[in-house]
Amino acid sequence: MLEKIQEIMMISSHASLIPYLVVPITPVNPSVYGAEYLGSWGGHRLMLISDYSEKGRYPNGVLTAEDEVNLYLAAEEWETVPHISLPDNPVAFAHDKVWVLRNLTQGVYVRSDAFRMAAEDMEGPEAMRGRTLADVLLSEIHWSCESDHGISGSGKWAGDRFDICVGDAVDDEEGWED
């Protein structure tokens, strides 16, 4: 079941997704704007559904019949979550750490240092320039039945569960594949 089906976000940049998935190393002061949203999508199913997707043609096992009805109702009366950025907190979002996008469903991850960026282009789990973890995520969670409206085909991670955390989390656990 899609637990957060009512939360639809108009994406102004790929990096807009990062704060909703990132797990801070230390707690963030609740008085910081958007603190309640930090990591709030972590562990939930994500799918970027094209306007051209046909009803009933989604990845197997992702949507129940009730979810499909809710999805179309949500599209008619959507509620956006606020645009937030990661707080300037080098302890909670360490700039000197490797961050990983974890696909919790498939047990695979992508490391932020896989993009071979210069240190000055990285700011914790976000990249200031070049490819980002959000780029990888969006390319793998899109779902479309059409091939002539932007991205063709469908991502192999559509409907899977994700989070973003420091690399130590996967280094310390068995069963993860890079």
N, C-alpha and C. Protein backbone atom coordinates (compact mmCIF):
# COMPACT_ATOMS: atom_id res chain seq x y z
N MET A 1 0.84 -1.18 0.00
CA MET A 1 0.00 0.00 0.00
C MET A 1 0.88 1.24 0.00
N LEU A 2 0.49 2.24 -0.72
CA LEU A 2 1.25 3.48 -0.77
C LEU A 2 0.84 4.36 0.40
N GLU A 3 1.67 4.37 1.44
CA GLU A 3 1.34 5.07 2.67
C GLU A 3 1.26 6.58 2.50
N LYS A 4 2.03 7.14 1.63
CA LYS A 4 2.10 8.59 1.51
C LYS A 4 1.56 9.03 0.15
N ILE A 5 0.50 8.39 -0.31
CA ILE A 5 -0.02 8.64 -1.64
C ILE A 5 -0.48 10.09 -1.82
N GLN A 6 -0.87 10.76 -0.73
CA GLN A 6 -1.32 12.14 -0.84
C GLN A 6 -0.17 13.13 -0.95
N GLU A 7 1.04 12.71 -0.65
CA GLU A 7 2.17 13.63 -0.72
C GLU A 7 2.76 13.60 -2.12
N ILE A 8 2.42 14.59 -2.88
CA ILE A 8 2.93 14.71 -4.23
C ILE A 8 3.82 15.94 -4.25
N MET A 9 4.96 15.81 -4.87
CA MET A 9 5.90 16.92 -4.87
C MET A 9 6.15 17.39 -6.28
N MET A 10 6.01 18.65 -6.51
CA MET A 10 6.39 19.23 -7.78
C MET A 10 7.90 19.42 -7.72
N ILE A 11 8.61 18.69 -8.53
CA ILE A 11 10.07 18.68 -8.45
C ILE A 11 10.64 19.86 -9.22
N SER A 12 11.30 20.77 -8.49
CA SER A 12 11.94 21.91 -9.13
C SER A 12 13.37 21.58 -9.49
N SER A 13 13.96 20.63 -8.80
CA SER A 13 15.29 20.14 -9.14
C SER A 13 15.41 18.73 -8.58
N HIS A 14 16.30 17.95 -9.16
CA HIS A 14 16.48 16.58 -8.69
C HIS A 14 16.85 16.53 -7.21
N ALA A 15 17.62 17.50 -6.77
CA ALA A 15 18.07 17.51 -5.37
C ALA A 15 16.90 17.70 -4.41
N SER A 16 15.74 18.13 -4.91
CA SER A 16 14.58 18.34 -4.05
C SER A 16 14.17 17.07 -3.32
N LEU A 17 14.49 15.91 -3.87
CA LEU A 17 14.12 14.64 -3.25
C LEU A 17 15.00 14.28 -2.06
N ILE A 18 16.25 14.68 -2.08
CA ILE A 18 17.23 14.24 -1.10
C ILE A 18 16.77 14.46 0.35
N PRO A 19 16.31 15.66 0.73
CA PRO A 19 15.95 15.86 2.14
C PRO A 19 14.84 14.92 2.63
N TYR A 20 13.97 14.49 1.75
CA TYR A 20 12.87 13.63 2.16
C TYR A 20 13.32 12.19 2.41
N LEU A 21 14.50 11.83 1.93
CA LEU A 21 14.99 10.46 2.06
C LEU A 21 16.17 10.31 3.00
N VAL A 22 16.86 11.40 3.31
CA VAL A 22 18.11 11.31 4.05
C VAL A 22 17.87 11.05 5.54
N VAL A 23 18.70 10.18 6.09
CA VAL A 23 18.68 9.87 7.52
C VAL A 23 19.83 10.64 8.16
N PRO A 24 19.54 11.71 8.94
CA PRO A 24 20.61 12.48 9.56
C PRO A 24 21.45 11.62 10.51
N ILE A 25 22.73 11.94 10.61
CA ILE A 25 23.62 11.21 11.51
C ILE A 25 23.24 11.49 12.96
N THR A 26 22.89 12.73 13.24
CA THR A 26 22.43 13.13 14.57
C THR A 26 21.08 13.83 14.42
N PRO A 27 20.29 13.90 15.48
CA PRO A 27 18.99 14.57 15.38
C PRO A 27 19.13 16.03 14.97
N VAL A 28 18.14 16.51 14.24
CA VAL A 28 18.10 17.91 13.81
C VAL A 28 17.12 18.64 14.72
N ASN A 29 17.48 19.84 15.12
CA ASN A 29 16.63 20.66 15.98
C ASN A 29 15.25 20.80 15.34
N PRO A 30 14.18 20.44 16.05
CA PRO A 30 12.83 20.51 15.48
C PRO A 30 12.38 21.91 15.10
N SER A 31 13.07 22.94 15.59
CA SER A 31 12.69 24.31 15.22
C SER A 31 13.20 24.70 13.84
N VAL A 32 14.06 23.88 13.24
CA VAL A 32 14.57 24.15 11.89
C VAL A 32 13.44 23.94 10.89
N TYR A 33 13.28 24.90 9.97
CA TYR A 33 12.22 24.80 8.96
C TYR A 33 12.31 23.47 8.21
N GLY A 34 11.22 22.74 8.17
CA GLY A 34 11.15 21.48 7.43
C GLY A 34 11.71 20.28 8.16
N ALA A 35 12.14 20.45 9.41
CA ALA A 35 12.76 19.34 10.14
C ALA A 35 11.86 18.12 10.21
N GLU A 36 10.55 18.33 10.32
CA GLU A 36 9.64 17.18 10.43
C GLU A 36 9.56 16.37 9.14
N TYR A 37 10.00 16.95 8.02
CA TYR A 37 9.96 16.24 6.75
C TYR A 37 11.25 15.49 6.43
N LEU A 38 12.34 15.86 7.13
CA LEU A 38 13.63 15.21 6.84
C LEU A 38 13.51 13.70 7.03
N GLY A 39 13.81 12.98 5.99
CA GLY A 39 13.77 11.52 6.04
C GLY A 39 12.38 10.92 6.09
N SER A 40 11.33 11.74 5.95
CA SER A 40 9.96 11.24 6.12
C SER A 40 9.52 10.26 5.03
N TRP A 41 10.21 10.25 3.90
CA TRP A 41 9.86 9.30 2.84
C TRP A 41 10.74 8.06 2.91
N GLY A 42 11.73 8.05 3.79
CA GLY A 42 12.61 6.89 3.93
C GLY A 42 11.81 5.64 4.27
N GLY A 43 12.05 4.57 3.53
CA GLY A 43 11.37 3.31 3.77
C GLY A 43 10.03 3.18 3.08
N HIS A 44 9.56 4.23 2.43
CA HIS A 44 8.28 4.18 1.72
C HIS A 44 8.52 3.87 0.24
N ARG A 45 7.50 3.33 -0.40
CA ARG A 45 7.58 3.04 -1.84
C ARG A 45 7.61 4.35 -2.62
N LEU A 46 8.46 4.39 -3.65
CA LEU A 46 8.55 5.57 -4.50
C LEU A 46 8.38 5.16 -5.95
N MET A 47 7.62 5.98 -6.67
CA MET A 47 7.44 5.75 -8.09
C MET A 47 7.12 7.10 -8.72
N LEU A 48 7.83 7.44 -9.77
CA LEU A 48 7.59 8.66 -10.52
C LEU A 48 6.71 8.27 -11.70
N ILE A 49 5.43 8.56 -11.59
CA ILE A 49 4.46 8.10 -12.58
C ILE A 49 4.24 9.17 -13.63
N SER A 50 4.37 8.77 -14.88
CA SER A 50 4.16 9.66 -16.01
C SER A 50 2.68 10.03 -16.14
N ASP A 51 2.43 11.22 -16.65
CA ASP A 51 1.06 11.62 -16.97
C ASP A 51 0.44 10.67 -17.99
N TYR A 52 1.28 10.00 -18.74
CA TYR A 52 0.81 9.16 -19.84
C TYR A 52 0.72 7.69 -19.45
N SER A 53 0.91 7.37 -18.19
CA SER A 53 0.77 5.98 -17.75
C SER A 53 -0.70 5.59 -17.79
N GLU A 54 -0.95 4.39 -18.23
CA GLU A 54 -2.32 3.92 -18.33
C GLU A 54 -2.75 3.29 -17.01
N LYS A 55 -3.99 3.56 -16.62
CA LYS A 55 -4.54 2.99 -15.39
C LYS A 55 -4.43 1.47 -15.46
N GLY A 56 -3.93 0.89 -14.39
CA GLY A 56 -3.81 -0.56 -14.33
C GLY A 56 -2.50 -1.12 -14.85
N ARG A 57 -1.66 -0.27 -15.45
CA ARG A 57 -0.38 -0.76 -15.97
C ARG A 57 0.76 -0.22 -15.10
N TYR A 58 0.93 -0.85 -13.95
CA TYR A 58 1.98 -0.48 -13.01
C TYR A 58 2.79 -1.72 -12.68
N PRO A 59 3.93 -1.56 -12.03
CA PRO A 59 4.72 -2.74 -11.67
C PRO A 59 3.88 -3.71 -10.83
N ASN A 60 4.07 -4.99 -11.06
CA ASN A 60 3.34 -6.02 -10.32
C ASN A 60 3.56 -5.88 -8.82
N GLY A 61 2.48 -5.93 -8.07
CA GLY A 61 2.55 -5.94 -6.62
C GLY A 61 2.75 -4.59 -5.96
N VAL A 62 2.83 -3.51 -6.73
CA VAL A 62 3.07 -2.20 -6.13
C VAL A 62 1.77 -1.55 -5.68
N LEU A 63 0.76 -1.58 -6.51
CA LEU A 63 -0.50 -0.92 -6.19
C LEU A 63 -1.63 -1.94 -6.02
N THR A 64 -2.40 -1.78 -4.96
CA THR A 64 -3.62 -2.57 -4.81
C THR A 64 -4.72 -1.84 -5.58
N ALA A 65 -5.88 -2.45 -5.74
CA ALA A 65 -7.00 -1.79 -6.42
C ALA A 65 -7.37 -0.50 -5.69
N GLU A 66 -7.32 -0.53 -4.35
CA GLU A 66 -7.62 0.66 -3.55
C GLU A 66 -6.58 1.76 -3.80
N ASP A 67 -5.30 1.37 -3.91
CA ASP A 67 -4.25 2.34 -4.20
C ASP A 67 -4.48 3.04 -5.53
N GLU A 68 -4.91 2.26 -6.54
CA GLU A 68 -5.15 2.86 -7.86
C GLU A 68 -6.24 3.91 -7.78
N VAL A 69 -7.31 3.63 -7.07
CA VAL A 69 -8.38 4.60 -6.89
C VAL A 69 -7.83 5.83 -6.17
N ASN A 70 -7.09 5.61 -5.08
CA ASN A 70 -6.50 6.71 -4.32
C ASN A 70 -5.52 7.52 -5.15
N LEU A 71 -4.79 6.86 -6.02
CA LEU A 71 -3.82 7.55 -6.87
C LEU A 71 -4.51 8.56 -7.77
N TYR A 72 -5.60 8.16 -8.37
CA TYR A 72 -6.31 9.08 -9.25
C TYR A 72 -7.02 10.18 -8.47
N LEU A 73 -7.52 9.88 -7.29
CA LEU A 73 -8.11 10.91 -6.44
C LEU A 73 -7.03 11.90 -6.00
N ALA A 74 -5.86 11.39 -5.66
CA ALA A 74 -4.75 12.25 -5.23
C ALA A 74 -4.34 13.18 -6.36
N ALA A 75 -4.36 12.69 -7.58
CA ALA A 75 -3.97 13.52 -8.72
C ALA A 75 -4.97 14.66 -8.93
N GLU A 76 -6.22 14.43 -8.56
CA GLU A 76 -7.23 15.48 -8.70
C GLU A 76 -7.17 16.49 -7.56
N GLU A 77 -6.85 16.03 -6.36
CA GLU A 77 -6.83 16.90 -5.18
C GLU A 77 -5.51 16.78 -4.46
N TRP A 78 -4.42 17.00 -5.17
CA TRP A 78 -3.11 16.76 -4.59
C TRP A 78 -2.71 17.84 -3.61
N GLU A 79 -1.91 17.40 -2.70
CA GLU A 79 -1.37 18.26 -1.65
C GLU A 79 0.15 18.18 -1.80
N THR A 80 0.78 19.30 -1.92
CA THR A 80 2.23 19.25 -2.07
C THR A 80 2.90 19.36 -0.72
N VAL A 81 4.04 18.71 -0.63
CA VAL A 81 4.86 18.89 0.55
C VAL A 81 5.72 20.12 0.30
N PRO A 82 6.13 20.82 1.34
CA PRO A 82 6.92 22.03 1.12
C PRO A 82 8.29 21.71 0.54
N HIS A 83 8.82 22.64 -0.21
CA HIS A 83 10.18 22.50 -0.72
C HIS A 83 11.12 22.79 0.45
N ILE A 84 11.94 21.81 0.80
CA ILE A 84 12.89 22.01 1.89
C ILE A 84 14.29 21.71 1.39
N SER A 85 15.25 22.24 2.09
CA SER A 85 16.66 21.96 1.82
C SER A 85 17.24 21.34 3.07
N LEU A 86 18.38 20.70 2.90
CA LEU A 86 19.05 20.18 4.08
C LEU A 86 19.55 21.35 4.91
N PRO A 87 19.32 21.32 6.21
CA PRO A 87 19.84 22.40 7.07
C PRO A 87 21.36 22.43 7.01
N ASP A 88 21.91 23.61 7.22
CA ASP A 88 23.36 23.74 7.27
C ASP A 88 23.82 23.17 8.61
N ASN A 89 24.06 21.87 8.62
CA ASN A 89 24.41 21.17 9.85
C ASN A 89 25.45 20.11 9.50
N PRO A 90 26.74 20.49 9.54
CA PRO A 90 27.79 19.55 9.14
C PRO A 90 27.93 18.33 10.04
N VAL A 91 27.29 18.33 11.20
CA VAL A 91 27.32 17.15 12.06
C VAL A 91 26.26 16.15 11.59
N ALA A 92 25.03 16.61 11.37
CA ALA A 92 23.94 15.73 10.95
C ALA A 92 24.09 15.28 9.50
N PHE A 93 24.68 16.13 8.66
CA PHE A 93 24.83 15.83 7.24
C PHE A 93 26.30 16.00 6.85
N ALA A 94 27.13 15.19 7.44
CA ALA A 94 28.59 15.30 7.32
C ALA A 94 29.05 15.41 5.87
N HIS A 95 29.86 16.42 5.63
CA HIS A 95 30.40 16.65 4.29
C HIS A 95 31.58 15.74 4.00
N ASP A 96 32.17 15.19 5.04
CA ASP A 96 33.35 14.35 4.85
C ASP A 96 33.01 12.86 4.80
N LYS A 97 31.74 12.53 4.72
CA LYS A 97 31.30 11.13 4.69
C LYS A 97 30.82 10.76 3.29
N VAL A 98 30.89 9.48 3.00
CA VAL A 98 30.28 8.95 1.78
C VAL A 98 28.83 8.63 2.13
N TRP A 99 27.90 9.12 1.32
CA TRP A 99 26.49 8.86 1.52
C TRP A 99 26.03 7.83 0.50
N VAL A 100 25.03 7.04 0.85
CA VAL A 100 24.54 6.01 -0.07
C VAL A 100 23.03 6.08 -0.21
N LEU A 101 22.58 5.87 -1.44
CA LEU A 101 21.17 5.68 -1.74
C LEU A 101 20.92 4.19 -1.63
N ARG A 102 20.09 3.79 -0.67
CA ARG A 102 19.82 2.36 -0.48
C ARG A 102 18.44 2.00 -1.04
N ASN A 103 18.42 0.97 -1.87
CA ASN A 103 17.16 0.37 -2.29
C ASN A 103 16.88 -0.71 -1.26
N LEU A 104 16.00 -0.43 -0.33
CA LEU A 104 15.71 -1.33 0.78
C LEU A 104 14.98 -2.59 0.32
N THR A 105 14.30 -2.50 -0.81
CA THR A 105 13.56 -3.64 -1.34
C THR A 105 14.49 -4.68 -1.95
N GLN A 106 15.48 -4.20 -2.71
CA GLN A 106 16.36 -5.12 -3.44
C GLN A 106 17.70 -5.35 -2.76
N GLY A 107 17.99 -4.58 -1.70
CA GLY A 107 19.25 -4.77 -0.98
C GLY A 107 20.47 -4.31 -1.76
N VAL A 108 20.30 -3.27 -2.59
CA VAL A 108 21.41 -2.71 -3.35
C VAL A 108 21.56 -1.24 -2.99
N TYR A 109 22.74 -0.70 -3.26
CA TYR A 109 22.97 0.71 -2.95
C TYR A 109 23.89 1.34 -3.98
N VAL A 110 23.86 2.68 -4.02
CA VAL A 110 24.73 3.48 -4.88
C VAL A 110 25.45 4.46 -3.97
N ARG A 111 26.75 4.52 -4.09
CA ARG A 111 27.57 5.40 -3.25
C ARG A 111 27.73 6.78 -3.90
N SER A 112 27.72 7.82 -3.08
CA SER A 112 27.90 9.18 -3.62
C SER A 112 29.28 9.37 -4.23
N ASP A 113 30.28 8.63 -3.75
CA ASP A 113 31.62 8.79 -4.31
C ASP A 113 31.79 8.04 -5.63
N ALA A 114 30.77 7.34 -6.09
CA ALA A 114 30.84 6.64 -7.38
C ALA A 114 30.86 7.63 -8.54
N PHE A 115 30.46 8.86 -8.29
CA PHE A 115 30.41 9.87 -9.34
C PHE A 115 31.73 10.60 -9.52
N ARG A 116 32.72 10.28 -8.68
CA ARG A 116 34.06 10.86 -8.77
C ARG A 116 34.04 12.39 -8.86
N MET A 117 33.33 12.98 -7.95
CA MET A 117 33.25 14.44 -7.92
C MET A 117 34.33 15.01 -7.03
N ALA A 118 34.66 16.24 -7.32
CA ALA A 118 35.61 16.96 -6.47
C ALA A 118 34.94 17.24 -5.13
N ALA A 119 35.71 17.22 -4.08
CA ALA A 119 35.18 17.43 -2.72
C ALA A 119 34.40 18.73 -2.61
N GLU A 120 34.84 19.78 -3.32
CA GLU A 120 34.15 21.06 -3.21
C GLU A 120 32.77 21.05 -3.88
N ASP A 121 32.49 20.02 -4.68
CA ASP A 121 31.17 19.91 -5.32
C ASP A 121 30.18 19.11 -4.48
N MET A 122 30.64 18.57 -3.36
CA MET A 122 29.77 17.76 -2.50
C MET A 122 29.42 18.55 -1.24
N GLU A 123 28.20 18.39 -0.79
CA GLU A 123 27.76 18.99 0.46
C GLU A 123 26.94 17.95 1.19
N GLY A 124 27.60 17.08 1.93
CA GLY A 124 26.91 15.96 2.58
C GLY A 124 26.34 15.04 1.52
N PRO A 125 25.07 14.67 1.64
CA PRO A 125 24.48 13.76 0.67
C PRO A 125 24.08 14.43 -0.64
N GLU A 126 24.24 15.74 -0.75
CA GLU A 126 23.86 16.45 -1.97
C GLU A 126 25.10 16.85 -2.76
N ALA A 127 24.96 16.82 -4.08
CA ALA A 127 26.02 17.30 -4.95
C ALA A 127 25.60 18.67 -5.48
N MET A 128 26.54 19.56 -5.56
CA MET A 128 26.24 20.89 -6.05
C MET A 128 26.24 20.94 -7.58
N ARG A 129 27.01 20.05 -8.20
CA ARG A 129 27.10 19.99 -9.66
C ARG A 129 27.25 18.53 -10.07
N GLY A 130 26.92 18.25 -11.32
CA GLY A 130 27.13 16.90 -11.84
C GLY A 130 26.02 15.95 -11.43
N ARG A 131 26.25 14.66 -11.67
CA ARG A 131 25.26 13.63 -11.33
C ARG A 131 25.12 13.50 -9.82
N THR A 132 23.93 13.18 -9.39
CA THR A 132 23.64 13.07 -7.97
C THR A 132 22.93 11.75 -7.66
N LEU A 133 22.79 11.46 -6.39
CA LEU A 133 22.01 10.29 -5.98
C LEU A 133 20.56 10.45 -6.43
N ALA A 134 20.06 11.68 -6.44
CA ALA A 134 18.69 11.93 -6.90
C ALA A 134 18.54 11.60 -8.38
N ASP A 135 19.57 11.90 -9.19
CA ASP A 135 19.52 11.55 -10.61
C ASP A 135 19.38 10.04 -10.79
N VAL A 136 20.16 9.29 -10.03
CA VAL A 136 20.09 7.83 -10.10
C VAL A 136 18.69 7.37 -9.70
N LEU A 137 18.20 7.90 -8.59
CA LEU A 137 16.88 7.50 -8.11
C LEU A 137 15.79 7.78 -9.15
N LEU A 138 15.75 8.99 -9.67
CA LEU A 138 14.71 9.35 -10.64
C LEU A 138 14.78 8.50 -11.90
N SER A 139 15.99 8.17 -12.34
CA SER A 139 16.11 7.36 -13.55
C SER A 139 15.62 5.94 -13.33
N GLU A 140 15.60 5.48 -12.09
CA GLU A 140 15.21 4.10 -11.80
C GLU A 140 13.80 3.94 -11.24
N ILE A 141 13.14 5.04 -10.82
CA ILE A 141 11.79 4.91 -10.27
C ILE A 141 10.71 5.42 -11.22
N HIS A 142 11.10 5.90 -12.41
CA HIS A 142 10.07 6.41 -13.32
C HIS A 142 9.25 5.25 -13.88
N TRP A 143 8.00 5.54 -14.18
CA TRP A 143 7.10 4.53 -14.73
C TRP A 143 6.25 5.19 -15.80
N SER A 144 6.40 4.72 -17.03
CA SER A 144 5.66 5.29 -18.14
C SER A 144 5.27 4.20 -19.12
N CYS A 145 4.12 4.36 -19.71
CA CYS A 145 3.67 3.44 -20.76
C CYS A 145 3.99 3.99 -22.14
N GLU A 146 4.44 5.21 -22.21
CA GLU A 146 4.75 5.88 -23.48
C GLU A 146 6.25 6.06 -23.59
N SER A 147 6.74 6.09 -24.82
CA SER A 147 8.17 6.31 -25.01
C SER A 147 8.46 7.62 -25.71
N ASP A 148 7.43 8.37 -26.08
CA ASP A 148 7.67 9.61 -26.81
C ASP A 148 7.45 10.87 -25.98
N HIS A 149 7.38 10.72 -24.67
CA HIS A 149 7.18 11.88 -23.79
C HIS A 149 8.27 11.94 -22.73
N GLY A 150 9.47 12.23 -23.13
CA GLY A 150 10.57 12.30 -22.16
C GLY A 150 11.28 10.98 -22.04
N ILE A 151 11.37 10.47 -20.82
CA ILE A 151 12.09 9.22 -20.56
C ILE A 151 11.28 8.06 -21.10
N SER A 152 11.92 7.21 -21.87
CA SER A 152 11.20 6.06 -22.41
C SER A 152 11.35 4.86 -21.49
N GLY A 153 10.36 3.99 -21.52
CA GLY A 153 10.41 2.77 -20.73
C GLY A 153 10.15 3.04 -19.27
N SER A 154 10.52 2.08 -18.45
CA SER A 154 10.27 2.19 -17.01
C SER A 154 11.48 1.75 -16.22
N GLY A 155 11.68 2.39 -15.09
CA GLY A 155 12.81 2.07 -14.24
C GLY A 155 12.61 0.76 -13.50
N LYS A 156 13.70 0.07 -13.27
CA LYS A 156 13.62 -1.25 -12.61
C LYS A 156 13.39 -1.15 -11.10
N TRP A 157 13.42 0.06 -10.53
CA TRP A 157 13.19 0.22 -9.10
C TRP A 157 11.83 0.86 -8.80
N ALA A 158 10.99 1.05 -9.78
CA ALA A 158 9.69 1.70 -9.56
C ALA A 158 8.89 0.94 -8.51
N GLY A 159 8.48 1.66 -7.47
CA GLY A 159 7.68 1.06 -6.41
C GLY A 159 8.49 0.45 -5.27
N ASP A 160 9.81 0.51 -5.36
CA ASP A 160 10.66 -0.02 -4.29
C ASP A 160 10.76 1.00 -3.14
N ARG A 161 11.36 0.57 -2.03
CA ARG A 161 11.52 1.41 -0.84
C ARG A 161 12.98 1.87 -0.73
N PHE A 162 13.20 3.13 -0.30
CA PHE A 162 14.53 3.73 -0.31
C PHE A 162 14.80 4.55 0.94
N ASP A 163 16.09 4.81 1.15
CA ASP A 163 16.53 5.86 2.06
C ASP A 163 17.93 6.26 1.63
N ILE A 164 18.44 7.32 2.25
CA ILE A 164 19.81 7.78 2.02
C ILE A 164 20.46 7.89 3.39
N CYS A 165 21.60 7.27 3.55
CA CYS A 165 22.29 7.29 4.84
C CYS A 165 23.80 7.30 4.60
N VAL A 166 24.57 7.39 5.67
CA VAL A 166 26.02 7.36 5.51
C VAL A 166 26.45 5.95 5.11
N GLY A 167 27.55 5.88 4.38
CA GLY A 167 28.05 4.61 3.87
C GLY A 167 28.38 3.61 4.94
N ASP A 168 28.69 4.09 6.15
CA ASP A 168 29.01 3.17 7.25
C ASP A 168 27.86 2.19 7.50
N ALA A 169 26.64 2.62 7.24
CA ALA A 169 25.47 1.76 7.50
C ALA A 169 25.50 0.50 6.65
N VAL A 170 25.93 0.60 5.40
CA VAL A 170 25.99 -0.60 4.56
C VAL A 170 27.30 -1.34 4.76
N ASP A 171 28.35 -0.61 5.14
CA ASP A 171 29.63 -1.27 5.41
C ASP A 171 29.53 -2.19 6.62
N ASP A 172 28.68 -1.79 7.59
CA ASP A 172 28.55 -2.54 8.84
C ASP A 172 27.52 -3.67 8.78
N GLU A 173 26.74 -3.73 7.70
CA GLU A 173 25.69 -4.75 7.58
C GLU A 173 26.00 -5.71 6.44
N GLU A 174 25.64 -6.96 6.62
CA GLU A 174 25.82 -7.94 5.55
C GLU A 174 24.60 -7.93 4.63
N GLY A 175 24.80 -8.40 3.41
CA GLY A 175 23.69 -8.57 2.49
C GLY A 175 23.47 -7.44 1.51
N TRP A 176 24.26 -6.37 1.60
CA TRP A 176 24.10 -5.25 0.67
C TRP A 176 25.01 -5.45 -0.53
N GLU A 177 24.52 -5.06 -1.70
CA GLU A 177 25.28 -5.16 -2.95
C GLU A 177 25.46 -3.78 -3.55
N ASP A 178 26.71 -3.44 -3.89
CA ASP A 178 27.04 -2.14 -4.47
C ASP A 178 26.79 -2.18 -5.97
